[in-house]
Amino acid sequence: MSQWDKLLGEILKLNRNLRFEDLAKALIKMGYTQSQPKGGSSHYTFRKTDCMPITLPKPKNSQIDIVYIRLVREAVTKYSGYERGEAQ
């Protein structure tokens, strides 16, 4: 099992130990572009053509809230063809 498959598996299982960097890596690998607004905001926006943008905060304590993991999970299942850890 590759690291990519393991990461997707953790996202699909809603692992609460995922960090911002893990979610960002998954979104970028799926074709999203990352941008941070000017002005020192801690929120990063990930955009992809024909997809809703996803905004994630970069927490100082490295643990990200489950709500944001669910957002990325929805993107994984909807746009990458993964469901329950297996490719469709």
PDB file of N, CA and C in Angstrom:
ATOM      1  N   MET A   1       0.853  -1.172   0.000  1.00  0.00           N
ATOM      2  CA  MET A   1       0.000   0.000   0.000  1.00  0.00           C
ATOM      3  C   MET A   1       0.904   1.243   0.000  1.00  0.00           C
ATOM      4  N   SER A   2       0.639   2.154  -0.916  1.00  0.00           N
ATOM      5  CA  SER A   2       1.465   3.353  -1.020  1.00  0.00           C
ATOM      6  C   SER A   2       1.098   4.377   0.061  1.00  0.00           C
ATOM      7  N   GLN A   3       1.969   5.353   0.232  1.00  0.00           N
ATOM      8  CA  GLN A   3       1.695   6.417   1.208  1.00  0.00           C
ATOM      9  C   GLN A   3       0.435   7.181   0.822  1.00  0.00           C
ATOM     10  N   TRP A   4       0.221   7.360  -0.481  1.00  0.00           N
ATOM     11  CA  TRP A   4      -0.970   8.056  -0.958  1.00  0.00           C
ATOM     12  C   TRP A   4      -2.226   7.292  -0.553  1.00  0.00           C
ATOM     13  N   ASP A   5      -2.221   5.980  -0.748  1.00  0.00           N
ATOM     14  CA  ASP A   5      -3.373   5.158  -0.359  1.00  0.00           C
ATOM     15  C   ASP A   5      -3.598   5.198   1.150  1.00  0.00           C
ATOM     16  N   LYS A   6      -2.515   5.191   1.922  1.00  0.00           N
ATOM     17  CA  LYS A   6      -2.643   5.276   3.379  1.00  0.00           C
ATOM     18  C   LYS A   6      -3.251   6.610   3.798  1.00  0.00           C
ATOM     19  N   LEU A   7      -2.792   7.698   3.157  1.00  0.00           N
ATOM     20  CA  LEU A   7      -3.331   9.022   3.482  1.00  0.00           C
ATOM     21  C   LEU A   7      -4.813   9.089   3.152  1.00  0.00           C
ATOM     22  N   LEU A   8      -5.190   8.603   1.977  1.00  0.00           N
ATOM     23  CA  LEU A   8      -6.615   8.590   1.614  1.00  0.00           C
ATOM     24  C   LEU A   8      -7.427   7.739   2.585  1.00  0.00           C
ATOM     25  N   GLY A   9      -6.872   6.620   3.006  1.00  0.00           N
ATOM     26  CA  GLY A   9      -7.554   5.766   3.978  1.00  0.00           C
ATOM     27  C   GLY A   9      -7.790   6.484   5.298  1.00  0.00           C
ATOM     28  N   GLU A  10      -6.794   7.245   5.745  1.00  0.00           N
ATOM     29  CA  GLU A  10      -6.936   8.003   6.993  1.00  0.00           C
ATOM     30  C   GLU A  10      -7.992   9.101   6.853  1.00  0.00           C
ATOM     31  N   ILE A  11      -8.035   9.734   5.689  1.00  0.00           N
ATOM     32  CA  ILE A  11      -9.052  10.777   5.455  1.00  0.00           C
ATOM     33  C   ILE A  11     -10.436  10.153   5.424  1.00  0.00           C
ATOM     34  N   LEU A  12     -10.580   9.046   4.746  1.00  0.00           N
ATOM     35  CA  LEU A  12     -11.885   8.390   4.649  1.00  0.00           C
ATOM     36  C   LEU A  12     -12.366   7.863   5.999  1.00  0.00           C
ATOM     37  N   LYS A  13     -11.424   7.481   6.884  1.00  0.00           N
ATOM     38  CA  LYS A  13     -11.785   7.012   8.225  1.00  0.00           C
ATOM     39  C   LYS A  13     -12.006   8.171   9.196  1.00  0.00           C
ATOM     40  N   LEU A  14     -11.794   9.406   8.717  1.00  0.00           N
ATOM     41  CA  LEU A  14     -11.929  10.617   9.551  1.00  0.00           C
ATOM     42  C   LEU A  14     -11.003  10.561  10.762  1.00  0.00           C
ATOM     43  N   ASN A  15      -9.762  10.191  10.529  1.00  0.00           N
ATOM     44  CA  ASN A  15      -8.767  10.117  11.592  1.00  0.00           C
ATOM     45  C   ASN A  15      -8.535  11.506  12.184  1.00  0.00           C
ATOM     46  N   ARG A  16      -8.777  11.665  13.463  1.00  0.00           N
ATOM     47  CA  ARG A  16      -8.635  12.966  14.129  1.00  0.00           C
ATOM     48  C   ARG A  16      -7.179  13.389  14.307  1.00  0.00           C
ATOM     49  N   ASN A  17      -6.238  12.512  14.032  1.00  0.00           N
ATOM     50  CA  ASN A  17      -4.823  12.860  14.169  1.00  0.00           C
ATOM     51  C   ASN A  17      -4.228  13.458  12.907  1.00  0.00           C
ATOM     52  N   LEU A  18      -5.049  13.662  11.877  1.00  0.00           N
ATOM     53  CA  LEU A  18      -4.552  14.281  10.653  1.00  0.00           C
ATOM     54  C   LEU A  18      -4.187  15.735  10.916  1.00  0.00           C
ATOM     55  N   ARG A  19      -3.161  16.199  10.219  1.00  0.00           N
ATOM     56  CA  ARG A  19      -2.718  17.583  10.365  1.00  0.00           C
ATOM     57  C   ARG A  19      -3.077  18.372   9.111  1.00  0.00           C
ATOM     58  N   PHE A  20      -2.975  19.678   9.214  1.00  0.00           N
ATOM     59  CA  PHE A  20      -3.231  20.551   8.070  1.00  0.00           C
ATOM     60  C   PHE A  20      -2.379  20.117   6.877  1.00  0.00           C
ATOM     61  N   GLU A  21      -1.120  19.817   7.124  1.00  0.00           N
ATOM     62  CA  GLU A  21      -0.197  19.449   6.052  1.00  0.00           C
ATOM     63  C   GLU A  21      -0.667  18.195   5.311  1.00  0.00           C
ATOM     64  N   ASP A  22      -1.255  17.245   6.033  1.00  0.00           N
ATOM     65  CA  ASP A  22      -1.767  16.025   5.406  1.00  0.00           C
ATOM     66  C   ASP A  22      -2.926  16.340   4.467  1.00  0.00           C
ATOM     67  N   LEU A  23      -3.856  17.169   4.945  1.00  0.00           N
ATOM     68  CA  LEU A  23      -5.011  17.521   4.125  1.00  0.00           C
ATOM     69  C   LEU A  23      -4.592  18.355   2.921  1.00  0.00           C
ATOM     70  N   ALA A  24      -3.659  19.281   3.127  1.00  0.00           N
ATOM     71  CA  ALA A  24      -3.168  20.105   2.027  1.00  0.00           C
ATOM     72  C   ALA A  24      -2.487  19.237   0.971  1.00  0.00           C
ATOM     73  N   LYS A  25      -1.699  18.274   1.409  1.00  0.00           N
ATOM     74  CA  LYS A  25      -1.005  17.375   0.477  1.00  0.00           C
ATOM     75  C   LYS A  25      -2.022  16.608  -0.371  1.00  0.00           C
ATOM     76  N   ALA A  26      -3.080  16.118   0.257  1.00  0.00           N
ATOM     77  CA  ALA A  26      -4.097  15.352  -0.469  1.00  0.00           C
ATOM     78  C   ALA A  26      -4.808  16.233  -1.494  1.00  0.00           C
ATOM     79  N   LEU A  27      -5.177  17.441  -1.089  1.00  0.00           N
ATOM     80  CA  LEU A  27      -5.882  18.331  -2.011  1.00  0.00           C
ATOM     81  C   LEU A  27      -5.000  18.726  -3.190  1.00  0.00           C
ATOM     82  N   ILE A  28      -3.741  19.028  -2.932  1.00  0.00           N
ATOM     83  CA  ILE A  28      -2.827  19.412  -4.004  1.00  0.00           C
ATOM     84  C   ILE A  28      -2.611  18.240  -4.964  1.00  0.00           C
ATOM     85  N   LYS A  29      -2.488  17.042  -4.429  1.00  0.00           N
ATOM     86  CA  LYS A  29      -2.306  15.857  -5.264  1.00  0.00           C
ATOM     87  C   LYS A  29      -3.532  15.608  -6.145  1.00  0.00           C
ATOM     88  N   MET A  30      -4.722  16.015  -5.672  1.00  0.00           N
ATOM     89  CA  MET A  30      -5.947  15.846  -6.450  1.00  0.00           C
ATOM     90  C   MET A  30      -6.161  16.986  -7.442  1.00  0.00           C
ATOM     91  N   GLY A  31      -5.212  17.915  -7.537  1.00  0.00           N
ATOM     92  CA  GLY A  31      -5.306  18.961  -8.547  1.00  0.00           C
ATOM     93  C   GLY A  31      -5.769  20.312  -8.057  1.00  0.00           C
ATOM     94  N   TYR A  32      -5.936  20.470  -6.760  1.00  0.00           N
ATOM     95  CA  TYR A  32      -6.315  21.761  -6.202  1.00  0.00           C
ATOM     96  C   TYR A  32      -5.087  22.668  -6.132  1.00  0.00           C
ATOM     97  N   THR A  33      -5.307  23.966  -6.255  1.00  0.00           N
ATOM     98  CA  THR A  33      -4.222  24.930  -6.057  1.00  0.00           C
ATOM     99  C   THR A  33      -4.441  25.613  -4.719  1.00  0.00           C
ATOM    100  N   GLN A  34      -3.363  25.895  -4.035  1.00  0.00           N
ATOM    101  CA  GLN A  34      -3.421  26.472  -2.692  1.00  0.00           C
ATOM    102  C   GLN A  34      -3.104  27.951  -2.761  1.00  0.00           C
ATOM    103  N   SER A  35      -3.894  28.755  -2.039  1.00  0.00           N
ATOM    104  CA  SER A  35      -3.599  30.183  -1.940  1.00  0.00           C
ATOM    105  C   SER A  35      -3.925  30.675  -0.535  1.00  0.00           C
ATOM    106  N   GLN A  36      -3.150  31.651  -0.103  1.00  0.00           N
ATOM    107  CA  GLN A  36      -3.377  32.272   1.196  1.00  0.00           C
ATOM    108  C   GLN A  36      -3.623  33.746   0.962  1.00  0.00           C
ATOM    109  N   PRO A  37      -4.714  34.286   1.499  1.00  0.00           N
ATOM    110  CA  PRO A  37      -4.977  35.705   1.310  1.00  0.00           C
ATOM    111  C   PRO A  37      -3.905  36.557   1.984  1.00  0.00           C
ATOM    112  N   LYS A  38      -3.668  37.698   1.380  1.00  0.00           N
ATOM    113  CA  LYS A  38      -2.702  38.613   1.984  1.00  0.00           C
ATOM    114  C   LYS A  38      -3.294  39.191   3.273  1.00  0.00           C
ATOM    115  N   GLY A  39      -2.456  39.632   4.147  1.00  0.00           N
ATOM    116  CA  GLY A  39      -2.939  40.226   5.384  1.00  0.00           C
ATOM    117  C   GLY A  39      -2.707  39.334   6.586  1.00  0.00           C
ATOM    118  N   GLY A  40      -1.989  38.233   6.407  1.00  0.00           N
ATOM    119  CA  GLY A  40      -1.635  37.412   7.557  1.00  0.00           C
ATOM    120  C   GLY A  40      -2.703  36.459   8.030  1.00  0.00           C
ATOM    121  N   SER A  41      -3.688  36.157   7.216  1.00  0.00           N
ATOM    122  CA  SER A  41      -4.732  35.220   7.618  1.00  0.00           C
ATOM    123  C   SER A  41      -4.144  33.817   7.768  1.00  0.00           C
ATOM    124  N   SER A  42      -4.701  33.049   8.684  1.00  0.00           N
ATOM    125  CA  SER A  42      -4.235  31.676   8.885  1.00  0.00           C
ATOM    126  C   SER A  42      -5.066  30.684   8.077  1.00  0.00           C
ATOM    127  N   HIS A  43      -5.949  31.175   7.215  1.00  0.00           N
ATOM    128  CA  HIS A  43      -6.809  30.311   6.415  1.00  0.00           C
ATOM    129  C   HIS A  43      -6.271  30.201   4.990  1.00  0.00           C
ATOM    130  N   TYR A  44      -6.197  28.977   4.501  1.00  0.00           N
ATOM    131  CA  TYR A  44      -5.744  28.706   3.144  1.00  0.00           C
ATOM    132  C   TYR A  44      -6.935  28.222   2.331  1.00  0.00           C
ATOM    133  N   THR A  45      -7.023  28.673   1.083  1.00  0.00           N
ATOM    134  CA  THR A  45      -8.103  28.261   0.203  1.00  0.00           C
ATOM    135  C   THR A  45      -7.531  27.383  -0.897  1.00  0.00           C
ATOM    136  N   PHE A  46      -8.215  26.279  -1.153  1.00  0.00           N
ATOM    137  CA  PHE A  46      -7.824  25.341  -2.193  1.00  0.00           C
ATOM    138  C   PHE A  46      -8.898  25.385  -3.266  1.00  0.00           C
ATOM    139  N   ARG A  47      -8.464  25.627  -4.515  1.00  0.00           N
ATOM    140  CA  ARG A  47      -9.408  25.752  -5.622  1.00  0.00           C
ATOM    141  C   ARG A  47      -9.064  24.774  -6.738  1.00  0.00           C
ATOM    142  N   LYS A  48     -10.135  24.314  -7.404  1.00  0.00           N
ATOM    143  CA  LYS A  48      -9.994  23.428  -8.551  1.00  0.00           C
ATOM    144  C   LYS A  48     -11.144  23.752  -9.495  1.00  0.00           C
ATOM    145  N   THR A  49     -10.881  23.739 -10.782  1.00  0.00           N
ATOM    146  CA  THR A  49     -11.907  24.035 -11.778  1.00  0.00           C
ATOM    147  C   THR A  49     -13.094  23.095 -11.611  1.00  0.00           C
ATOM    148  N   ASP A  50     -14.289  23.651 -11.668  1.00  0.00           N
ATOM    149  CA  ASP A  50     -15.548  22.914 -11.547  1.00  0.00           C
ATOM    150  C   ASP A  50     -15.768  22.261 -10.183  1.00  0.00           C
ATOM    151  N   CYS A  51     -15.055  22.712  -9.176  1.00  0.00           N
ATOM    152  CA  CYS A  51     -15.233  22.194  -7.816  1.00  0.00           C
ATOM    153  C   CYS A  51     -15.417  23.370  -6.862  1.00  0.00           C
ATOM    154  N   MET A  52     -16.125  23.122  -5.796  1.00  0.00           N
ATOM    155  CA  MET A  52     -16.282  24.152  -4.773  1.00  0.00           C
ATOM    156  C   MET A  52     -14.939  24.381  -4.080  1.00  0.00           C
ATOM    157  N   PRO A  53     -14.589  25.637  -3.792  1.00  0.00           N
ATOM    158  CA  PRO A  53     -13.340  25.879  -3.061  1.00  0.00           C
ATOM    159  C   PRO A  53     -13.447  25.352  -1.630  1.00  0.00           C
ATOM    160  N   ILE A  54     -12.317  24.952  -1.091  1.00  0.00           N
ATOM    161  CA  ILE A  54     -12.250  24.441   0.278  1.00  0.00           C
ATOM    162  C   ILE A  54     -11.305  25.348   1.058  1.00  0.00           C
ATOM    163  N   THR A  55     -11.786  25.892   2.152  1.00  0.00           N
ATOM    164  CA  THR A  55     -10.969  26.759   2.994  1.00  0.00           C
ATOM    165  C   THR A  55     -10.645  26.030   4.289  1.00  0.00           C
ATOM    166  N   LEU A  56      -9.341  25.948   4.579  1.00  0.00           N
ATOM    167  CA  LEU A  56      -8.872  25.266   5.787  1.00  0.00           C
ATOM    168  C   LEU A  56      -8.042  26.228   6.629  1.00  0.00           C
ATOM    169  N   PRO A  57      -8.259  26.240   7.942  1.00  0.00           N
ATOM    170  CA  PRO A  57      -7.386  27.031   8.806  1.00  0.00           C
ATOM    171  C   PRO A  57      -6.112  26.245   9.097  1.00  0.00           C
ATOM    172  N   LYS A  58      -5.020  26.945   9.273  1.00  0.00           N
ATOM    173  CA  LYS A  58      -3.779  26.289   9.681  1.00  0.00           C
ATOM    174  C   LYS A  58      -3.626  26.538  11.167  1.00  0.00           C
ATOM    175  N   PRO A  59      -4.026  25.560  12.003  1.00  0.00           N
ATOM    176  CA  PRO A  59      -3.990  25.759  13.450  1.00  0.00           C
ATOM    177  C   PRO A  59      -2.565  25.798  13.994  1.00  0.00           C
ATOM    178  N   LYS A  60      -2.400  26.517  15.067  1.00  0.00           N
ATOM    179  CA  LYS A  60      -1.077  26.628  15.683  1.00  0.00           C
ATOM    180  C   LYS A  60      -0.659  25.344  16.390  1.00  0.00           C
ATOM    181  N   ASN A  61      -1.630  24.571  16.867  1.00  0.00           N
ATOM    182  CA  ASN A  61      -1.305  23.343  17.596  1.00  0.00           C
ATOM    183  C   ASN A  61      -1.248  22.109  16.692  1.00  0.00           C
ATOM    184  N   SER A  62      -1.286  22.308  15.389  1.00  0.00           N
ATOM    185  CA  SER A  62      -1.150  21.289  14.342  1.00  0.00           C
ATOM    186  C   SER A  62      -2.318  20.304  14.237  1.00  0.00           C
ATOM    187  N   GLN A  63      -3.243  20.273  15.177  1.00  0.00           N
ATOM    188  CA  GLN A  63      -4.400  19.394  15.055  1.00  0.00           C
ATOM    189  C   GLN A  63      -5.559  20.172  14.456  1.00  0.00           C
ATOM    190  N   ILE A  64      -6.183  19.592  13.441  1.00  0.00           N
ATOM    191  CA  ILE A  64      -7.239  20.281  12.714  1.00  0.00           C
ATOM    192  C   ILE A  64      -8.600  19.717  13.130  1.00  0.00           C
ATOM    193  N   ASP A  65      -9.601  20.548  13.124  1.00  0.00           N
ATOM    194  CA  ASP A  65     -10.941  20.165  13.561  1.00  0.00           C
ATOM    195  C   ASP A  65     -11.554  19.149  12.592  1.00  0.00           C
ATOM    196  N   ILE A  66     -12.374  18.273  13.109  1.00  0.00           N
ATOM    197  CA  ILE A  66     -13.008  17.201  12.333  1.00  0.00           C
ATOM    198  C   ILE A  66     -13.873  17.743  11.197  1.00  0.00           C
ATOM    199  N   VAL A  67     -14.432  18.927  11.365  1.00  0.00           N
ATOM    200  CA  VAL A  67     -15.277  19.528  10.329  1.00  0.00           C
ATOM    201  C   VAL A  67     -14.489  19.684   9.031  1.00  0.00           C
ATOM    202  N   TYR A  68     -13.242  20.083   9.134  1.00  0.00           N
ATOM    203  CA  TYR A  68     -12.417  20.297   7.952  1.00  0.00           C
ATOM    204  C   TYR A  68     -11.962  18.969   7.346  1.00  0.00           C
ATOM    205  N   ILE A  69     -11.776  17.972   8.172  1.00  0.00           N
ATOM    206  CA  ILE A  69     -11.444  16.643   7.653  1.00  0.00           C
ATOM    207  C   ILE A  69     -12.628  16.113   6.845  1.00  0.00           C
ATOM    208  N   ARG A  70     -13.837  16.378   7.311  1.00  0.00           N
ATOM    209  CA  ARG A  70     -15.036  15.956   6.574  1.00  0.00           C
ATOM    210  C   ARG A  70     -15.122  16.650   5.215  1.00  0.00           C
ATOM    211  N   LEU A  71     -14.763  17.930   5.157  1.00  0.00           N
ATOM    212  CA  LEU A  71     -14.772  18.652   3.881  1.00  0.00           C
ATOM    213  C   LEU A  71     -13.828  18.000   2.878  1.00  0.00           C
ATOM    214  N   VAL A  72     -12.646  17.656   3.325  1.00  0.00           N
ATOM    215  CA  VAL A  72     -11.669  17.028   2.435  1.00  0.00           C
ATOM    216  C   VAL A  72     -12.130  15.621   2.065  1.00  0.00           C
ATOM    217  N   ARG A  73     -12.716  14.926   3.016  1.00  0.00           N
ATOM    218  CA  ARG A  73     -13.241  13.583   2.730  1.00  0.00           C
ATOM    219  C   ARG A  73     -14.300  13.650   1.637  1.00  0.00           C
ATOM    220  N   GLU A  74     -15.173  14.647   1.704  1.00  0.00           N
ATOM    221  CA  GLU A  74     -16.201  14.809   0.684  1.00  0.00           C
ATOM    222  C   GLU A  74     -15.570  15.046  -0.691  1.00  0.00           C
ATOM    223  N   ALA A  75     -14.522  15.861  -0.731  1.00  0.00           N
ATOM    224  CA  ALA A  75     -13.828  16.116  -1.995  1.00  0.00           C
ATOM    225  C   ALA A  75     -13.179  14.836  -2.522  1.00  0.00           C
ATOM    226  N   VAL A  76     -12.591  14.048  -1.631  1.00  0.00           N
ATOM    227  CA  VAL A  76     -11.944  12.799  -2.042  1.00  0.00           C
ATOM    228  C   VAL A  76     -12.968  11.848  -2.642  1.00  0.00           C
ATOM    229  N   THR A  77     -14.085  11.670  -1.972  1.00  0.00           N
ATOM    230  CA  THR A  77     -15.087  10.711  -2.457  1.00  0.00           C
ATOM    231  C   THR A  77     -15.777  11.212  -3.718  1.00  0.00           C
ATOM    232  N   LYS A  78     -15.958  12.523  -3.824  1.00  0.00           N
ATOM    233  CA  LYS A  78     -16.697  13.074  -4.956  1.00  0.00           C
ATOM    234  C   LYS A  78     -15.845  13.201  -6.215  1.00  0.00           C
ATOM    235  N   TYR A  79     -14.611  13.621  -6.063  1.00  0.00           N
ATOM    236  CA  TYR A  79     -13.821  13.987  -7.229  1.00  0.00           C
ATOM    237  C   TYR A  79     -12.691  13.033  -7.577  1.00  0.00           C
ATOM    238  N   SER A  80     -12.308  12.151  -6.683  1.00  0.00           N
ATOM    239  CA  SER A  80     -11.188  11.271  -7.018  1.00  0.00           C
ATOM    240  C   SER A  80     -11.612   9.829  -7.263  1.00  0.00           C
ATOM    241  N   GLY A  81     -12.877   9.504  -7.055  1.00  0.00           N
ATOM    242  CA  GLY A  81     -13.340   8.153  -7.309  1.00  0.00           C
ATOM    243  C   GLY A  81     -13.107   7.180  -6.183  1.00  0.00           C
ATOM    244  N   TYR A  82     -12.699   7.675  -5.005  1.00  0.00           N
ATOM    245  CA  TYR A  82     -12.475   6.789  -3.862  1.00  0.00           C
ATOM    246  C   TYR A  82     -13.733   6.746  -3.018  1.00  0.00           C
ATOM    247  N   GLU A  83     -14.047   5.547  -2.568  1.00  0.00           N
ATOM    248  CA  GLU A  83     -15.168   5.373  -1.660  1.00  0.00           C
ATOM    249  C   GLU A  83     -14.827   4.211  -0.742  1.00  0.00           C
ATOM    250  N   ARG A  84     -14.881   4.440   0.536  1.00  0.00           N
ATOM    251  CA  ARG A  84     -14.563   3.402   1.529  1.00  0.00           C
ATOM    252  C   ARG A  84     -13.170   2.809   1.305  1.00  0.00           C
ATOM    253  N   GLY A  85     -12.220   3.665   0.866  1.00  0.00           N
ATOM    254  CA  GLY A  85     -10.846   3.222   0.751  1.00  0.00           C
ATOM    255  C   GLY A  85     -10.497   2.483  -0.525  1.00  0.00           C
ATOM    256  N   GLU A  86     -11.426   2.337  -1.446  1.00  0.00           N
ATOM    257  CA  GLU A  86     -11.132   1.617  -2.682  1.00  0.00           C
ATOM    258  C   GLU A  86     -11.517   2.475  -3.880  1.00  0.00           C
ATOM    259  N   ALA A  87     -10.760   2.355  -4.948  1.00  0.00           N
ATOM    260  CA  ALA A  87     -11.076   3.079  -6.178  1.00  0.00           C
ATOM    261  C   ALA A  87     -12.299   2.456  -6.818  1.00  0.00           C
ATOM    262  N   GLN A  88     -13.137   3.305  -7.389  1.00  0.00           N
ATOM    263  CA  GLN A  88     -14.334   2.800  -8.039  1.00  0.00           C
ATOM    264  C   GLN A  88     -14.015   2.318  -9.431  1.00  0.00           C
TER     265      GLN A  88
END
